[in-house]
Amino acid sequence: MQFATSVMGEHSAERFGTRSASPGCNIGCMQATPHLGNPPSTWFKAPRCASSMPSQWMPGVTMRSPASRKKKPALTPLWESEARSSPKMEGRALVLEAAATAFYERGYAGTTLDHVATILGTTKGQIYHYYRSKLDLYFDVAVGAFFMINERIYPLAEAKGVPAAQRLHDVFRAFATELMEHYPFHRVALEATQFKLIGRGSAAQERPLARINALRKQLEILINALIEEAAADGVCQIPSIQLAMRGGLGSLAWLIVWFDPKQSNSAEERDAIAMRIADFVVAGLGCRSSALTNSFAAETAAPPAAHRG
């Protein structure tokens, strides 16, 4: 398996493109891939009187309290999207977070926009303000997952004055942390791209899949370059850069399969898991642990601070 939030900085603006108001890309979003065509005129139109179903009609789904509707989203969705053009980035982010939870818990087939609206604590009409269909919303969650990985790891990969092996370890650690912090997004992305639960064919699917492939390609190029640099430094014995890259990304992606967000809720627990996974992956690439100054092995091998000379 191969896998490709925060407000984007200057480094991301240069890498992922410039702000664009062209058709097919949200106003104010970042155009991560070349323009892939105008939205077709036959897209689904939102009903004028759309409303969500009462919560008692949907077993297992509880309507959120009014206070929860005012919460701030934990992400900024700056990626190119099939969403309707809207300057309300925060509203779209809240819809995406609710959708990721719904698709993760119920799967694509078992989720309706009524379920998403119930989690969000609003009406289905509010969702249609941002998205034309459940399919558009589903793939926007998947694209966002890959975008958030790249957005998190690029600053670490390009850190000045840090040896390549340590940057590689830092990237893998941040990668694992991202998978756990936004687990519903990444679980949906796994199902959308690897399990392929929805047959391909329509333009509404092809465009987001092209964006995912572009983001994944950027990720692979980055990891390849880091591995090559670490091998050139002589601290990693790697017979095949390409195989090492795919093996490393595959090890990280497997975290999505076995990780249980209900069992590891604290930031400390997640960071310990991420650190150990990064240690494991870097060791599997044939890198010497002595080349790492920030790893689980280095921290546990160091004497307590009170006893250091």
C-alpha atoms as a PDB file:
ATOM      1  CA  MET A   1       0.000   0.000   0.000  1.00  0.00           C
ATOM      2  CA  GLN A   2       1.148   3.507  -0.732  1.00  0.00           C
ATOM      3  CA  PHE A   3      -0.060   6.629   0.937  1.00  0.00           C
ATOM      4  CA  ALA A   4       0.300  10.068   0.271  1.00  0.00           C
ATOM      5  CA  THR A   5      -3.491  20.095   8.941  1.00  0.00           C
ATOM      6  CA  SER A   6      -2.446  22.991   9.188  1.00  0.00           C
ATOM      7  CA  VAL A   7      -2.655  26.393   7.597  1.00  0.00           C
ATOM      8  CA  MET A   8      -0.280  26.347   4.658  1.00  0.00           C
ATOM      9  CA  GLY A   9       2.937  28.310   4.889  1.00  0.00           C
ATOM     10  CA  GLU A  10       5.114  29.763   2.172  1.00  0.00           C
ATOM     11  CA  HIS A  11       6.906  26.459   1.598  1.00  0.00           C
ATOM     12  CA  SER A  12       3.575  24.765   0.815  1.00  0.00           C
ATOM     13  CA  ALA A  13       2.380  27.562  -1.429  1.00  0.00           C
ATOM     14  CA  GLU A  14       5.436  27.102  -3.603  1.00  0.00           C
ATOM     15  CA  ARG A  15       5.053  23.341  -3.692  1.00  0.00           C
ATOM     16  CA  PHE A  16       1.340  22.901  -4.146  1.00  0.00           C
ATOM     17  CA  GLY A  17       0.674  25.889  -6.392  1.00  0.00           C
ATOM     18  CA  THR A  18      -0.807  29.321  -6.038  1.00  0.00           C
ATOM     19  CA  ARG A  19      -4.254  30.468  -5.066  1.00  0.00           C
ATOM     20  CA  SER A  20      -6.655  30.125  -7.921  1.00  0.00           C
ATOM     21  CA  ALA A  21     -10.173  31.212  -8.713  1.00  0.00           C
ATOM     22  CA  SER A  22     -10.329  29.228 -11.937  1.00  0.00           C
ATOM     23  CA  PRO A  23     -13.282  26.895 -12.671  1.00  0.00           C
ATOM     24  CA  GLY A  24     -12.980  23.507 -11.038  1.00  0.00           C
ATOM     25  CA  CYS A  25     -11.048  24.848  -8.040  1.00  0.00           C
ATOM     26  CA  ASN A  26     -12.511  26.468  -4.926  1.00  0.00           C
ATOM     27  CA  ILE A  27     -12.020  30.211  -4.645  1.00  0.00           C
ATOM     28  CA  GLY A  28      -9.183  30.623  -2.203  1.00  0.00           C
ATOM     29  CA  CYS A  29      -8.068  27.016  -2.400  1.00  0.00           C
ATOM     30  CA  MET A  30      -4.653  25.753  -3.439  1.00  0.00           C
ATOM     31  CA  GLN A  31      -4.553  24.263  -6.911  1.00  0.00           C
ATOM     32  CA  ALA A  32      -2.508  21.135  -6.242  1.00  0.00           C
ATOM     33  CA  THR A  33      -2.815  19.668  -9.719  1.00  0.00           C
ATOM     34  CA  PRO A  34      -3.271  21.105 -13.217  1.00  0.00           C
ATOM     35  CA  HIS A  35      -6.818  22.152 -14.014  1.00  0.00           C
ATOM     36  CA  LEU A  36      -8.742  19.014 -14.840  1.00  0.00           C
ATOM     37  CA  GLY A  37     -11.819  20.440 -16.556  1.00  0.00           C
ATOM     38  CA  ASN A  38     -14.913  22.442 -15.768  1.00  0.00           C
ATOM     39  CA  PRO A  39     -17.684  20.928 -13.642  1.00  0.00           C
ATOM     40  CA  PRO A  40     -20.315  19.279 -15.867  1.00  0.00           C
ATOM     41  CA  SER A  41     -23.679  21.037 -16.072  1.00  0.00           C
ATOM     42  CA  THR A  42     -25.477  17.786 -15.199  1.00  0.00           C
ATOM     43  CA  TRP A  43     -24.274  17.729 -11.598  1.00  0.00           C
ATOM     44  CA  PHE A  44     -26.919  17.119  -8.978  1.00  0.00           C
ATOM     45  CA  LYS A  45     -28.733  20.265  -7.862  1.00  0.00           C
ATOM     46  CA  ALA A  46     -29.550  20.728  -4.186  1.00  0.00           C
ATOM     47  CA  PRO A  47     -33.260  20.540  -3.302  1.00  0.00           C
ATOM     48  CA  ARG A  48     -34.736  23.785  -2.027  1.00  0.00           C
ATOM     49  CA  CYS A  49     -36.349  22.239   1.033  1.00  0.00           C
ATOM     50  CA  ALA A  50     -33.707  19.671   2.024  1.00  0.00           C
ATOM     51  CA  SER A  51     -33.807  18.755   5.698  1.00  0.00           C
ATOM     52  CA  SER A  52     -32.309  16.036   7.832  1.00  0.00           C
ATOM     53  CA  MET A  53     -34.235  13.022   9.099  1.00  0.00           C
ATOM     54  CA  PRO A  54     -35.184  12.908  12.766  1.00  0.00           C
ATOM     55  CA  SER A  55     -32.476  11.212  14.796  1.00  0.00           C
ATOM     56  CA  GLN A  56     -34.878   8.508  16.024  1.00  0.00           C
ATOM     57  CA  TRP A  57     -35.112   7.253  12.454  1.00  0.00           C
ATOM     58  CA  MET A  58     -31.380   6.561  12.390  1.00  0.00           C
ATOM     59  CA  PRO A  59     -30.394   4.001  15.061  1.00  0.00           C
ATOM     60  CA  GLY A  60     -26.940   4.527  16.482  1.00  0.00           C
ATOM     61  CA  VAL A  61     -26.775   8.207  15.493  1.00  0.00           C
ATOM     62  CA  THR A  62     -27.278  10.907  18.118  1.00  0.00           C
ATOM     63  CA  MET A  63     -28.066  14.522  17.269  1.00  0.00           C
ATOM     64  CA  ARG A  64     -25.304  16.793  18.504  1.00  0.00           C
ATOM     65  CA  SER A  65     -26.164  19.547  20.972  1.00  0.00           C
ATOM     66  CA  PRO A  66     -26.436  23.134  19.638  1.00  0.00           C
ATOM     67  CA  ALA A  67     -23.216  24.026  21.467  1.00  0.00           C
ATOM     68  CA  SER A  68     -21.269  21.468  19.437  1.00  0.00           C
ATOM     69  CA  ARG A  69     -22.271  23.217  16.215  1.00  0.00           C
ATOM     70  CA  LYS A  70     -20.179  26.234  17.178  1.00  0.00           C
ATOM     71  CA  LYS A  71     -16.907  24.351  17.565  1.00  0.00           C
ATOM     72  CA  LYS A  72     -13.906  25.312  15.511  1.00  0.00           C
ATOM     73  CA  PRO A  73     -12.709  22.786  12.901  1.00  0.00           C
ATOM     74  CA  ALA A  74      -9.360  21.127  13.472  1.00  0.00           C
ATOM     75  CA  LEU A  75      -8.270  21.474   9.839  1.00  0.00           C
ATOM     76  CA  THR A  76      -8.113  23.981   7.012  1.00  0.00           C
ATOM     77  CA  PRO A  77      -9.226  22.348   3.721  1.00  0.00           C
ATOM     78  CA  LEU A  78      -6.995  24.149   1.233  1.00  0.00           C
ATOM     79  CA  TRP A  79      -6.836  21.338  -1.304  1.00  0.00           C
ATOM     80  CA  GLU A  80      -8.487  21.408  -4.722  1.00  0.00           C
ATOM     81  CA  SER A  81     -11.957  19.989  -4.460  1.00  0.00           C
ATOM     82  CA  GLU A  82     -15.265  19.153  -6.116  1.00  0.00           C
ATOM     83  CA  ALA A  83     -16.971  21.280  -3.473  1.00  0.00           C
ATOM     84  CA  ARG A  84     -18.993  24.267  -4.550  1.00  0.00           C
ATOM     85  CA  SER A  85     -17.019  27.510  -4.727  1.00  0.00           C
ATOM     86  CA  SER A  86     -17.433  29.196  -1.362  1.00  0.00           C
ATOM     87  CA  PRO A  87     -15.336  31.520   0.769  1.00  0.00           C
ATOM     88  CA  LYS A  88     -16.636  29.789   3.931  1.00  0.00           C
ATOM     89  CA  MET A  89     -13.654  27.521   4.541  1.00  0.00           C
ATOM     90  CA  GLU A  90     -14.553  26.859   8.164  1.00  0.00           C
ATOM     91  CA  GLY A  91     -18.013  25.584   7.287  1.00  0.00           C
ATOM     92  CA  ARG A  92     -16.607  23.227   4.683  1.00  0.00           C
ATOM     93  CA  ALA A  93     -14.069  21.938   7.213  1.00  0.00           C
ATOM     94  CA  LEU A  94     -16.809  21.091   9.710  1.00  0.00           C
ATOM     95  CA  VAL A  95     -18.761  19.238   7.017  1.00  0.00           C
ATOM     96  CA  LEU A  96     -15.639  17.270   6.083  1.00  0.00           C
ATOM     97  CA  GLU A  97     -14.941  16.273   9.682  1.00  0.00           C
ATOM     98  CA  ALA A  98     -18.522  15.059  10.169  1.00  0.00           C
ATOM     99  CA  ALA A  99     -18.437  13.216   6.838  1.00  0.00           C
ATOM    100  CA  ALA A 100     -15.134  11.498   7.675  1.00  0.00           C
ATOM    101  CA  THR A 101     -16.657  10.234  10.918  1.00  0.00           C
ATOM    102  CA  ALA A 102     -19.826   9.026   9.204  1.00  0.00           C
ATOM    103  CA  PHE A 103     -18.033   7.244   6.346  1.00  0.00           C
ATOM    104  CA  TYR A 104     -15.560   5.685   8.791  1.00  0.00           C
ATOM    105  CA  GLU A 105     -18.297   4.360  11.080  1.00  0.00           C
ATOM    106  CA  ARG A 106     -20.833   3.264   8.461  1.00  0.00           C
ATOM    107  CA  GLY A 107     -18.950   2.880   5.166  1.00  0.00           C
ATOM    108  CA  TYR A 108     -19.857   4.599   1.922  1.00  0.00           C
ATOM    109  CA  ALA A 109     -22.923   2.486   1.124  1.00  0.00           C
ATOM    110  CA  GLY A 110     -24.301   2.724   4.654  1.00  0.00           C
ATOM    111  CA  THR A 111     -23.893   6.500   4.959  1.00  0.00           C
ATOM    112  CA  THR A 112     -26.415   9.089   3.824  1.00  0.00           C
ATOM    113  CA  LEU A 113     -26.140  12.853   3.922  1.00  0.00           C
ATOM    114  CA  ASP A 114     -28.749  12.699   6.671  1.00  0.00           C
ATOM    115  CA  HIS A 115     -26.223  10.807   8.809  1.00  0.00           C
ATOM    116  CA  VAL A 116     -23.592  13.454   8.128  1.00  0.00           C
ATOM    117  CA  ALA A 117     -26.061  16.232   8.960  1.00  0.00           C
ATOM    118  CA  THR A 118     -26.972  14.541  12.223  1.00  0.00           C
ATOM    119  CA  ILE A 119     -23.341  14.301  13.318  1.00  0.00           C
ATOM    120  CA  LEU A 120     -22.815  17.901  12.268  1.00  0.00           C
ATOM    121  CA  GLY A 121     -25.945  19.008  14.136  1.00  0.00           C
ATOM    122  CA  THR A 122     -27.525  20.753  11.168  1.00  0.00           C
ATOM    123  CA  THR A 123     -29.755  20.090   8.164  1.00  0.00           C
ATOM    124  CA  LYS A 124     -28.949  18.286   4.964  1.00  0.00           C
ATOM    125  CA  GLY A 125     -29.509  21.556   3.130  1.00  0.00           C
ATOM    126  CA  GLN A 126     -26.421  22.976   4.851  1.00  0.00           C
ATOM    127  CA  ILE A 127     -24.323  20.172   3.351  1.00  0.00           C
ATOM    128  CA  TYR A 128     -25.716  20.877  -0.126  1.00  0.00           C
ATOM    129  CA  HIS A 129     -24.466  24.436   0.323  1.00  0.00           C
ATOM    130  CA  TYR A 130     -20.935  22.998   0.024  1.00  0.00           C
ATOM    131  CA  TYR A 131     -21.323  19.695  -1.871  1.00  0.00           C
ATOM    132  CA  ARG A 132     -23.502  18.549  -4.751  1.00  0.00           C
ATOM    133  CA  SER A 133     -23.553  14.870  -3.810  1.00  0.00           C
ATOM    134  CA  LYS A 134     -22.423  12.254  -1.329  1.00  0.00           C
ATOM    135  CA  LEU A 135     -19.846  11.049  -3.848  1.00  0.00           C
ATOM    136  CA  ASP A 136     -18.203  14.485  -4.071  1.00  0.00           C
ATOM    137  CA  LEU A 137     -18.050  14.685  -0.291  1.00  0.00           C
ATOM    138  CA  TYR A 138     -16.634  11.166   0.030  1.00  0.00           C
ATOM    139  CA  PHE A 139     -13.764  11.774  -2.362  1.00  0.00           C
ATOM    140  CA  ASP A 140     -13.021  15.183  -0.864  1.00  0.00           C
ATOM    141  CA  VAL A 141     -12.396  13.421   2.447  1.00  0.00           C
ATOM    142  CA  ALA A 142     -10.004  11.032   0.660  1.00  0.00           C
ATOM    143  CA  VAL A 143      -8.121  13.810  -1.154  1.00  0.00           C
ATOM    144  CA  GLY A 144      -7.818  15.714   2.111  1.00  0.00           C
ATOM    145  CA  ALA A 145      -6.167  12.749   3.799  1.00  0.00           C
ATOM    146  CA  PHE A 146      -3.301  12.679   1.299  1.00  0.00           C
ATOM    147  CA  PHE A 147      -2.995  16.465   1.321  1.00  0.00           C
ATOM    148  CA  MET A 148      -2.666  16.557   5.119  1.00  0.00           C
ATOM    149  CA  ILE A 149       0.158  13.990   5.078  1.00  0.00           C
ATOM    150  CA  ASN A 150       2.218  15.996   2.600  1.00  0.00           C
ATOM    151  CA  GLU A 151       1.450  19.263   4.359  1.00  0.00           C
ATOM    152  CA  ARG A 152       2.751  17.887   7.658  1.00  0.00           C
ATOM    153  CA  ILE A 153       5.944  16.173   6.509  1.00  0.00           C
ATOM    154  CA  TYR A 154       7.392  18.612   3.950  1.00  0.00           C
ATOM    155  CA  PRO A 155       8.793  21.108   6.504  1.00  0.00           C
ATOM    156  CA  LEU A 156      10.551  18.244   8.312  1.00  0.00           C
ATOM    157  CA  ALA A 157      11.960  16.795   5.086  1.00  0.00           C
ATOM    158  CA  GLU A 158      13.435  20.166   4.135  1.00  0.00           C
ATOM    159  CA  ALA A 159      14.779  21.117   7.587  1.00  0.00           C
ATOM    160  CA  LYS A 160      18.166  22.813   7.311  1.00  0.00           C
ATOM    161  CA  GLY A 161      21.169  21.426   9.175  1.00  0.00           C
ATOM    162  CA  VAL A 162      19.549  18.079  10.042  1.00  0.00           C
ATOM    163  CA  PRO A 163      21.172  14.844   8.741  1.00  0.00           C
ATOM    164  CA  ALA A 164      19.174  12.949   6.137  1.00  0.00           C
ATOM    165  CA  ALA A 165      18.683   9.864   8.334  1.00  0.00           C
ATOM    166  CA  GLN A 166      17.239  11.976  11.146  1.00  0.00           C
ATOM    167  CA  ARG A 167      14.977  13.857   8.731  1.00  0.00           C
ATOM    168  CA  LEU A 168      13.781  10.524   7.383  1.00  0.00           C
ATOM    169  CA  HIS A 169      12.973   9.392  10.929  1.00  0.00           C
ATOM    170  CA  ASP A 170      11.203  12.694  11.675  1.00  0.00           C
ATOM    171  CA  VAL A 171       9.143  12.375   8.494  1.00  0.00           C
ATOM    172  CA  PHE A 172       8.050   8.808   9.326  1.00  0.00           C
ATOM    173  CA  ARG A 173       7.185   9.858  12.872  1.00  0.00           C
ATOM    174  CA  ALA A 174       5.095  12.802  11.659  1.00  0.00           C
ATOM    175  CA  PHE A 175       3.470  10.574   9.023  1.00  0.00           C
ATOM    176  CA  ALA A 176       2.365   8.080  11.691  1.00  0.00           C
ATOM    177  CA  THR A 177       1.145  10.887  13.944  1.00  0.00           C
ATOM    178  CA  GLU A 178      -0.954  12.338  11.130  1.00  0.00           C
ATOM    179  CA  LEU A 179      -2.574   8.958  10.433  1.00  0.00           C
ATOM    180  CA  MET A 180      -3.641   8.690  14.072  1.00  0.00           C
ATOM    181  CA  GLU A 181      -4.724  12.297  14.600  1.00  0.00           C
ATOM    182  CA  HIS A 182      -7.069  12.302  11.603  1.00  0.00           C
ATOM    183  CA  TYR A 183      -7.756   8.575  11.573  1.00  0.00           C
ATOM    184  CA  PRO A 184     -11.291   8.716  10.050  1.00  0.00           C
ATOM    185  CA  PHE A 185      -9.951  10.654   7.040  1.00  0.00           C
ATOM    186  CA  HIS A 186      -7.181   8.145   6.404  1.00  0.00           C
ATOM    187  CA  ARG A 187      -9.413   5.121   6.901  1.00  0.00           C
ATOM    188  CA  VAL A 188     -11.808   6.516   4.290  1.00  0.00           C
ATOM    189  CA  ALA A 189      -8.866   7.223   1.952  1.00  0.00           C
ATOM    190  CA  LEU A 190      -7.709   3.618   2.325  1.00  0.00           C
ATOM    191  CA  GLU A 191     -11.136   2.333   1.356  1.00  0.00           C
ATOM    192  CA  ALA A 192     -11.460   4.783  -1.533  1.00  0.00           C
ATOM    193  CA  THR A 193      -8.076   4.045  -3.116  1.00  0.00           C
ATOM    194  CA  GLN A 194      -6.996   0.568  -2.051  1.00  0.00           C
ATOM    195  CA  PHE A 195     -10.187  -1.373  -1.381  1.00  0.00           C
ATOM    196  CA  LYS A 196     -11.922   0.467  -4.262  1.00  0.00           C
ATOM    197  CA  LEU A 197     -15.392   0.021  -2.843  1.00  0.00           C
ATOM    198  CA  ILE A 198     -16.840   2.261  -5.562  1.00  0.00           C
ATOM    199  CA  GLY A 199     -16.490   1.417  -9.234  1.00  0.00           C
ATOM    200  CA  ARG A 200     -14.626   3.996 -11.305  1.00  0.00           C
ATOM    201  CA  GLY A 201     -15.992   5.672 -14.381  1.00  0.00           C
ATOM    202  CA  SER A 202     -17.546   9.078 -13.820  1.00  0.00           C
ATOM    203  CA  ALA A 203     -15.687  12.372 -14.066  1.00  0.00           C
ATOM    204  CA  ALA A 204     -16.713  13.093 -10.475  1.00  0.00           C
ATOM    205  CA  GLN A 205     -14.500  10.153  -9.473  1.00  0.00           C
ATOM    206  CA  GLU A 206     -11.702  10.571 -12.000  1.00  0.00           C
ATOM    207  CA  ARG A 207     -10.814  14.131 -11.015  1.00  0.00           C
ATOM    208  CA  PRO A 208     -10.306  13.477  -7.281  1.00  0.00           C
ATOM    209  CA  LEU A 209      -8.473  10.242  -8.041  1.00  0.00           C
ATOM    210  CA  ALA A 210      -6.112  12.214 -10.296  1.00  0.00           C
ATOM    211  CA  ARG A 211      -5.493  14.626  -7.407  1.00  0.00           C
ATOM    212  CA  ILE A 212      -4.792  11.715  -5.073  1.00  0.00           C
ATOM    213  CA  ASN A 213      -2.328  10.210  -7.538  1.00  0.00           C
ATOM    214  CA  ALA A 214      -0.524  13.558  -7.876  1.00  0.00           C
ATOM    215  CA  LEU A 215      -0.232  13.956  -4.092  1.00  0.00           C
ATOM    216  CA  ARG A 216       0.935  10.366  -3.702  1.00  0.00           C
ATOM    217  CA  LYS A 217       3.542  10.864  -6.410  1.00  0.00           C
ATOM    218  CA  GLN A 218       4.865  13.947  -4.605  1.00  0.00           C
ATOM    219  CA  LEU A 219       5.142  11.884  -1.428  1.00  0.00           C
ATOM    220  CA  GLU A 220       7.038   9.076  -3.141  1.00  0.00           C
ATOM    221  CA  ILE A 221       9.482  11.526  -4.747  1.00  0.00           C
ATOM    222  CA  LEU A 222      10.154  13.104  -1.365  1.00  0.00           C
ATOM    223  CA  ILE A 223      10.767   9.796   0.428  1.00  0.00           C
ATOM    224  CA  ASN A 224      12.943   8.551  -2.452  1.00  0.00           C
ATOM    225  CA  ALA A 225      15.118  11.659  -2.240  1.00  0.00           C
ATOM    226  CA  LEU A 226      15.533  11.342   1.526  1.00  0.00           C
ATOM    227  CA  ILE A 227      16.484   7.667   1.309  1.00  0.00           C
ATOM    228  CA  GLU A 228      19.002   8.381  -1.450  1.00  0.00           C
ATOM    229  CA  GLU A 229      20.539  11.158   0.622  1.00  0.00           C
ATOM    230  CA  ALA A 230      20.784   8.962   3.725  1.00  0.00           C
ATOM    231  CA  ALA A 231      22.408   6.196   1.670  1.00  0.00           C
ATOM    232  CA  ALA A 232      24.878   8.682   0.189  1.00  0.00           C
ATOM    233  CA  ASP A 233      25.822   9.780   3.716  1.00  0.00           C
ATOM    234  CA  GLY A 234      26.846   6.178   4.439  1.00  0.00           C
ATOM    235  CA  VAL A 235      24.534   5.689   7.430  1.00  0.00           C
ATOM    236  CA  CYS A 236      21.991   3.488   5.616  1.00  0.00           C
ATOM    237  CA  GLN A 237      22.766   0.317   3.665  1.00  0.00           C
ATOM    238  CA  ILE A 238      20.025   0.216   1.052  1.00  0.00           C
ATOM    239  CA  PRO A 239      20.359  -2.091  -1.973  1.00  0.00           C
ATOM    240  CA  SER A 240      17.178  -0.791  -3.660  1.00  0.00           C
ATOM    241  CA  ILE A 241      15.950   2.762  -3.106  1.00  0.00           C
ATOM    242  CA  GLN A 242      12.627   2.096  -4.834  1.00  0.00           C
ATOM    243  CA  LEU A 243      11.936  -1.048  -2.791  1.00  0.00           C
ATOM    244  CA  ALA A 244      12.949   0.733   0.409  1.00  0.00           C
ATOM    245  CA  MET A 245      10.560   3.591  -0.337  1.00  0.00           C
ATOM    246  CA  ARG A 246       7.631   1.301  -1.011  1.00  0.00           C
ATOM    247  CA  GLY A 247       8.394  -0.870   1.995  1.00  0.00           C
ATOM    248  CA  GLY A 248       8.622   2.135   4.288  1.00  0.00           C
ATOM    249  CA  LEU A 249       5.356   3.659   3.090  1.00  0.00           C
ATOM    250  CA  GLY A 250       3.657   0.267   3.256  1.00  0.00           C
ATOM    251  CA  SER A 251       4.714  -0.193   6.880  1.00  0.00           C
ATOM    252  CA  LEU A 252       3.290   3.194   7.767  1.00  0.00           C
ATOM    253  CA  ALA A 253       0.049   2.637   5.863  1.00  0.00           C
ATOM    254  CA  TRP A 254      -0.557  -0.610   7.745  1.00  0.00           C
ATOM    255  CA  LEU A 255      -1.076   1.523  10.861  1.00  0.00           C
ATOM    256  CA  ILE A 256      -4.483   2.453   9.440  1.00  0.00           C
ATOM    257  CA  VAL A 257      -5.512  -1.207   9.565  1.00  0.00           C
ATOM    258  CA  TRP A 258      -4.543  -2.092  13.130  1.00  0.00           C
ATOM    259  CA  PHE A 259      -4.701   1.218  15.017  1.00  0.00           C
ATOM    260  CA  ASP A 260      -7.749   1.662  17.278  1.00  0.00           C
ATOM    261  CA  PRO A 261      -8.391   5.350  18.031  1.00  0.00           C
ATOM    262  CA  LYS A 262     -10.657   4.369  20.934  1.00  0.00           C
ATOM    263  CA  GLN A 263      -7.750   2.661  22.715  1.00  0.00           C
ATOM    264  CA  SER A 264      -5.091   5.351  22.180  1.00  0.00           C
ATOM    265  CA  ASN A 265      -6.643   8.707  22.939  1.00  0.00           C
ATOM    266  CA  SER A 266      -3.849  10.731  24.512  1.00  0.00           C
ATOM    267  CA  ALA A 267      -1.228  12.654  22.558  1.00  0.00           C
ATOM    268  CA  GLU A 268       1.478  10.935  24.625  1.00  0.00           C
ATOM    269  CA  GLU A 269       0.253   7.476  23.620  1.00  0.00           C
ATOM    270  CA  ARG A 270       0.079   8.411  19.961  1.00  0.00           C
ATOM    271  CA  ASP A 271       3.521   9.987  20.017  1.00  0.00           C
ATOM    272  CA  ALA A 272       5.021   6.850  21.607  1.00  0.00           C
ATOM    273  CA  ILE A 273       3.450   4.708  18.884  1.00  0.00           C
ATOM    274  CA  ALA A 274       4.685   7.070  16.165  1.00  0.00           C
ATOM    275  CA  MET A 275       8.210   7.101  17.593  1.00  0.00           C
ATOM    276  CA  ARG A 276       8.446   3.304  17.739  1.00  0.00           C
ATOM    277  CA  ILE A 277       7.071   2.908  14.217  1.00  0.00           C
ATOM    278  CA  ALA A 278       9.612   5.426  12.894  1.00  0.00           C
ATOM    279  CA  ASP A 279      12.405   3.528  14.690  1.00  0.00           C
ATOM    280  CA  PHE A 280      11.192   0.263  13.158  1.00  0.00           C
ATOM    281  CA  VAL A 281      10.926   1.616   9.607  1.00  0.00           C
ATOM    282  CA  VAL A 282      14.309   3.366   9.666  1.00  0.00           C
ATOM    283  CA  ALA A 283      15.972   0.246  11.097  1.00  0.00           C
ATOM    284  CA  GLY A 284      14.323  -1.790   8.355  1.00  0.00           C
ATOM    285  CA  LEU A 285      15.949   0.491   5.799  1.00  0.00           C
ATOM    286  CA  GLY A 286      19.357  -0.501   7.160  1.00  0.00           C
ATOM    287  CA  CYS A 287      20.091   2.805   8.893  1.00  0.00           C
ATOM    288  CA  ARG A 288      22.349   2.790  11.949  1.00  0.00           C
ATOM    289  CA  SER A 289      20.544   3.817  15.143  1.00  0.00           C
ATOM    290  CA  SER A 290      23.648   5.749  16.187  1.00  0.00           C
ATOM    291  CA  ALA A 291      22.892   8.179  13.344  1.00  0.00           C
ATOM    292  CA  LEU A 292      19.679   9.246  15.087  1.00  0.00           C
ATOM    293  CA  THR A 293      19.646  11.820  17.849  1.00  0.00           C
ATOM    294  CA  ASN A 294      15.884  11.859  18.226  1.00  0.00           C
ATOM    295  CA  SER A 295      14.378   8.389  18.430  1.00  0.00           C
ATOM    296  CA  PHE A 296      12.818   6.078  20.994  1.00  0.00           C
ATOM    297  CA  ALA A 297      16.023   4.041  21.182  1.00  0.00           C
ATOM    298  CA  ALA A 298      18.137   7.165  21.722  1.00  0.00           C
ATOM    299  CA  GLU A 299      15.826   8.441  24.461  1.00  0.00           C
ATOM    300  CA  THR A 300      15.698   5.167  26.365  1.00  0.00           C
ATOM    301  CA  ALA A 301      19.453   4.600  26.052  1.00  0.00           C
ATOM    302  CA  ALA A 302      20.310   8.018  27.481  1.00  0.00           C
ATOM    303  CA  PRO A 303      20.903   8.195  31.274  1.00  0.00           C
ATOM    304  CA  PRO A 304      18.442  10.173  33.395  1.00  0.00           C
ATOM    305  CA  ALA A 305      19.051  13.896  33.283  1.00  0.00           C
ATOM    306  CA  ALA A 306      19.888  14.007  37.017  1.00  0.00           C
ATOM    307  CA  HIS A 307      22.803  11.596  36.521  1.00  0.00           C
ATOM    308  CA  ARG A 308      24.348  13.093  33.398  1.00  0.00           C
ATOM    309  CA  GLY A 309      27.772  14.615  33.751  1.00  0.00           C
END
